[in-house]
Amino acid sequence: IYLLLVLSIWARHYQATQSSERRVVAHIPGDIIIGALFSVHHQPPADKVHERKCGAVREQYGIQRVEAMMHTLDRINSDPNILPNITLGCEIRDSCWHSAVALEQSIEFIRDSLVSSDEAEEWGGGASWVVGGGGGTQMKCSDPSATPMRGKKPIVGLIGPGSSSVAIQVQNLLQLFNIPQIAYSATSMDLSDKSLYKYFMRVVPSDAQQARAMVDIVKRYSWSYVSAINTEGT
């Protein structure tokens, strides 16, 4: 029921404006805010690219990642031995697996960091919804395009996006403001260059390391015949 409610909120209120879509943000308040870019929707179709109107909802790839992050934060916050007296929160935005949308959302993260203050967190304007999680976590979905959100805490880092090419563009922007980025599926070898991407980290091996591991397995078992399947992009 919880998953369906989150999905329905994201789907119903992801409405279009004249030049670009109104973005719905999933937010969990906390002492430390972690940003995330997940592809909750498919990338814009060819005739909608210039308007940045995203496609259909990606239930497995997109919604499940939102659920996974919320569940992880809930487990961490519920364990007094991990971060005592500190509550982790998050702000999740939709990248739509498209570079223009991801950069647009990254700018929103940066803007919040620049205009953040010590005021109490206040969500104003537009419609908002609060969803209670199983462990007591509350997620608020709000339309940030209606009224600026004053007093928001800046993110301490960003998780995502999934695509290597999009992650590179986002990193080029984030590192100008010293915001760390952690990727979960960007495997391009280019991202291993710390002289170019100083604030980038990832939890998956690069393409080169994966290829090296496969070669080591082939050598270890003396296989003489190997079939490989390649996918375009990373």
Protein backbone atom coordinates (compact mmCIF):
# COMPACT_ATOMS: atom_id res chain seq x y z
CA ILE A 1 0.00 0.00 0.00
CA TYR A 2 2.85 2.34 0.91
CA LEU A 3 4.58 1.75 -2.44
CA LEU A 4 1.35 2.36 -4.35
CA LEU A 5 0.74 5.56 -2.42
CA VAL A 6 4.21 6.91 -3.17
CA LEU A 7 3.82 5.95 -6.83
CA SER A 8 0.41 7.58 -7.12
CA ILE A 9 1.66 10.80 -5.53
CA TRP A 10 4.62 11.01 -7.90
CA ALA A 11 2.51 10.17 -10.93
CA ARG A 12 -0.51 12.38 -10.26
CA HIS A 13 1.34 15.56 -9.45
CA TYR A 14 4.08 15.39 -12.05
CA GLN A 15 2.35 18.01 -14.22
CA ALA A 16 3.72 20.12 -17.04
CA THR A 17 4.17 23.85 -17.27
CA GLN A 18 4.94 25.88 -20.38
CA SER A 19 8.67 25.20 -20.73
CA SER A 20 9.40 22.31 -18.39
CA GLU A 21 7.65 20.00 -15.99
CA ARG A 22 6.87 20.82 -12.41
CA ARG A 23 9.09 18.54 -10.37
CA VAL A 24 7.77 16.76 -7.32
CA VAL A 25 10.37 16.37 -4.58
CA ALA A 26 10.40 13.57 -2.00
CA HIS A 27 11.73 14.94 1.28
CA ILE A 28 12.46 13.40 4.69
CA PRO A 29 13.49 15.99 7.31
CA GLY A 30 16.61 15.41 9.38
CA ASP A 31 19.71 16.89 10.95
CA ILE A 32 21.78 15.89 7.90
CA ILE A 33 20.21 15.92 4.43
CA ILE A 34 21.41 13.59 1.67
CA GLY A 35 20.45 14.44 -1.89
CA ALA A 36 19.56 11.83 -4.51
CA LEU A 37 18.89 11.78 -8.23
CA PHE A 38 16.88 8.74 -9.31
CA SER A 39 15.25 8.09 -12.68
CA VAL A 40 11.69 7.80 -11.42
CA HIS A 41 10.43 8.45 -14.96
CA HIS A 42 11.68 7.42 -18.38
CA GLN A 43 13.56 10.00 -20.42
CA PRO A 44 11.55 12.49 -22.48
CA PRO A 45 10.32 11.21 -25.86
CA ALA A 46 11.93 12.69 -28.95
CA ASP A 47 9.15 15.24 -29.51
CA LYS A 48 9.24 16.40 -25.88
CA VAL A 49 12.99 16.70 -25.30
CA HIS A 50 13.03 20.48 -25.71
CA GLU A 51 10.27 20.78 -23.09
CA ARG A 52 11.94 18.28 -20.74
CA LYS A 53 8.64 16.42 -20.32
CA CYS A 54 9.57 13.04 -18.90
CA GLY A 55 8.07 9.73 -19.93
CA ALA A 56 6.22 7.04 -18.01
CA VAL A 57 6.99 6.04 -14.43
CA ARG A 58 9.76 3.45 -14.01
CA GLU A 59 8.25 1.31 -11.27
CA GLN A 60 11.11 -1.15 -10.84
CA TYR A 61 14.14 0.98 -11.62
CA GLY A 62 12.87 4.28 -10.26
CA ILE A 63 10.34 3.75 -7.49
CA GLN A 64 12.27 0.84 -5.99
CA ARG A 65 15.36 3.02 -5.58
CA VAL A 66 13.32 5.66 -3.80
CA GLU A 67 11.90 2.98 -1.52
CA ALA A 68 15.36 1.50 -0.91
CA MET A 69 16.80 4.84 0.16
CA MET A 70 13.90 5.61 2.46
CA HIS A 71 14.09 2.14 4.02
CA THR A 72 17.85 2.47 4.55
CA LEU A 73 17.49 5.84 6.27
CA ASP A 74 14.69 4.43 8.40
CA ARG A 75 16.87 1.54 9.55
CA ILE A 76 19.82 3.82 10.31
CA ASN A 77 17.71 6.32 12.22
CA SER A 78 16.08 3.51 14.21
CA ASP A 79 19.42 2.14 15.40
CA PRO A 80 20.84 4.22 18.29
CA ASN A 81 24.26 2.60 17.85
CA ILE A 82 24.91 3.96 14.35
CA LEU A 83 24.38 7.73 14.60
CA PRO A 84 23.24 8.55 18.13
CA ASN A 85 21.34 11.84 18.45
CA ILE A 86 21.61 12.44 14.70
CA THR A 87 18.74 11.96 12.26
CA LEU A 88 19.46 11.45 8.58
CA GLY A 89 17.09 13.01 6.09
CA CYS A 90 16.96 13.13 2.32
CA GLU A 91 15.76 15.08 -0.67
CA ILE A 92 15.07 12.91 -3.71
CA ARG A 93 14.64 14.42 -7.16
CA ASP A 94 13.80 12.83 -10.49
CA SER A 95 16.50 12.86 -13.19
CA CYS A 96 14.33 11.11 -15.81
CA TRP A 97 17.51 9.43 -17.17
CA HIS A 98 18.15 12.64 -19.11
CA SER A 99 21.09 15.01 -18.77
CA ALA A 100 19.10 18.25 -19.09
CA VAL A 101 16.67 17.22 -16.37
CA ALA A 102 19.47 15.96 -14.11
CA LEU A 103 21.36 19.25 -14.46
CA GLU A 104 18.18 21.20 -13.79
CA GLN A 105 17.63 19.27 -10.57
CA SER A 106 21.30 19.59 -9.59
CA ILE A 107 20.99 23.36 -9.88
CA GLU A 108 18.08 23.18 -7.45
CA PHE A 109 20.28 21.33 -4.96
CA ILE A 110 23.00 23.95 -5.36
CA ARG A 111 20.55 26.81 -5.01
CA ASP A 112 19.33 25.36 -1.73
CA SER A 113 22.92 25.14 -0.52
CA LEU A 114 23.59 28.76 -1.43
CA VAL A 115 20.45 30.25 0.10
CA SER A 116 20.20 27.97 3.14
CA SER A 117 20.01 29.61 6.54
CA ASP A 118 19.73 28.64 10.19
CA GLU A 119 15.98 29.17 10.24
CA ALA A 120 13.66 26.31 11.10
CA GLU A 121 12.79 24.23 8.08
CA GLU A 122 9.67 25.51 6.41
CA TRP A 123 7.80 24.10 3.41
CA GLY A 124 5.57 26.72 1.91
CA GLY A 125 3.26 27.04 -1.04
CA GLY A 126 1.73 24.49 -3.31
CA ALA A 127 0.22 21.20 -2.31
CA SER A 128 2.09 18.83 -0.05
CA TRP A 129 1.54 15.33 1.23
CA VAL A 130 3.01 13.48 4.20
CA VAL A 131 3.41 9.72 3.97
CA GLY A 132 4.23 7.67 7.05
CA GLY A 133 6.72 4.83 6.70
CA GLY A 134 6.58 1.52 8.49
CA GLY A 135 9.35 2.49 10.90
CA GLY A 136 8.00 5.92 11.72
CA THR A 137 9.73 7.81 8.89
CA GLN A 138 7.73 10.59 7.29
CA MET A 139 8.23 11.55 3.67
CA LYS A 140 6.85 14.81 2.40
CA CYS A 141 6.19 15.30 -1.32
CA SER A 142 5.84 18.90 -2.33
CA ASP A 143 5.65 21.01 -5.45
CA PRO A 144 8.65 23.34 -5.08
CA SER A 145 7.70 25.44 -8.11
CA ALA A 146 4.82 27.17 -6.33
CA THR A 147 6.71 29.04 -3.59
CA PRO A 148 10.41 29.08 -2.67
CA MET A 149 11.26 26.86 0.29
CA ARG A 150 12.90 29.00 2.93
CA GLY A 151 15.18 27.69 5.63
CA LYS A 152 16.04 24.44 3.87
CA LYS A 153 19.16 22.63 4.95
CA PRO A 154 21.78 22.09 2.23
CA ILE A 155 22.63 18.57 1.16
CA VAL A 156 25.93 17.14 2.40
CA GLY A 157 26.30 14.98 -0.71
CA LEU A 158 24.45 13.58 -3.70
CA ILE A 159 23.65 9.97 -4.61
CA GLY A 160 23.30 9.25 -8.34
CA PRO A 161 22.48 9.65 -11.13
CA GLY A 162 22.63 6.21 -12.72
CA SER A 163 24.07 6.91 -16.16
CA SER A 164 27.81 7.53 -16.52
CA SER A 165 27.39 10.26 -19.12
CA VAL A 166 24.85 12.09 -16.97
CA ALA A 167 26.93 11.54 -13.82
CA ILE A 168 29.90 13.21 -15.50
CA GLN A 169 27.87 16.31 -16.35
CA VAL A 170 26.41 16.49 -12.86
CA GLN A 171 29.87 16.08 -11.29
CA ASN A 172 31.27 18.91 -13.39
CA LEU A 173 28.62 21.12 -11.82
CA LEU A 174 28.70 19.83 -8.23
CA GLN A 175 32.46 20.01 -7.82
CA LEU A 176 32.34 23.76 -8.41
CA PHE A 177 30.52 23.95 -5.08
CA ASN A 178 32.49 21.20 -3.30
CA ILE A 179 29.48 18.86 -3.10
CA PRO A 180 30.46 15.15 -2.96
CA GLN A 181 28.77 12.74 -5.35
CA ILE A 182 28.37 8.98 -4.90
CA ALA A 183 27.24 6.96 -7.93
CA TYR A 184 25.59 3.55 -7.70
CA SER A 185 25.77 2.41 -11.32
CA ALA A 186 28.05 4.80 -13.24
CA THR A 187 30.92 2.60 -14.43
CA SER A 188 32.79 4.73 -16.98
CA MET A 189 36.58 4.60 -16.67
CA ASP A 190 36.72 8.37 -17.17
CA LEU A 191 35.23 8.89 -13.72
CA SER A 192 38.28 7.25 -12.13
CA ASP A 193 40.39 10.30 -12.99
CA LYS A 194 40.59 12.17 -9.68
CA SER A 195 42.32 15.12 -11.28
CA LEU A 196 39.10 15.80 -13.21
CA TYR A 197 36.45 14.51 -10.81
CA LYS A 198 37.74 15.29 -7.34
CA TYR A 199 34.41 14.97 -5.55
CA PHE A 200 33.21 11.80 -7.28
CA MET A 201 32.97 8.37 -5.65
CA ARG A 202 31.12 5.20 -6.55
CA VAL A 203 30.11 1.89 -5.03
CA VAL A 204 30.57 -0.17 -8.21
CA PRO A 205 33.77 -1.13 -10.06
CA SER A 206 34.64 0.64 -13.30
CA ASP A 207 34.26 -1.00 -16.70
CA ALA A 208 38.00 -1.68 -16.77
CA GLN A 209 37.96 -3.43 -13.40
CA GLN A 210 34.96 -5.53 -14.38
CA ALA A 211 36.65 -6.58 -17.62
CA ARG A 212 39.84 -7.40 -15.72
CA ALA A 213 37.89 -9.56 -13.27
CA MET A 214 36.22 -11.47 -16.11
CA VAL A 215 39.58 -12.12 -17.77
CA ASP A 216 41.00 -13.38 -14.46
CA ILE A 217 38.07 -15.80 -14.10
CA VAL A 218 38.60 -17.11 -17.65
CA LYS A 219 42.31 -17.65 -16.97
CA ARG A 220 41.70 -19.23 -13.57
CA TYR A 221 39.42 -21.94 -14.96
CA SER A 222 41.29 -22.27 -18.30
CA TRP A 223 38.16 -21.70 -20.33
CA SER A 224 38.74 -21.92 -24.07
CA TYR A 225 35.37 -20.65 -25.28
CA VAL A 226 33.69 -17.50 -23.97
CA SER A 227 30.51 -15.71 -25.08
CA ALA A 228 29.94 -12.08 -24.17
CA ILE A 229 26.85 -9.87 -24.26
CA ASN A 230 27.33 -6.13 -24.52
CA THR A 231 24.88 -3.34 -23.74
CA GLU A 232 25.15 0.14 -25.22
CA GLY A 233 26.03 2.81 -22.67
CA THR A 234 26.91 2.43 -18.99
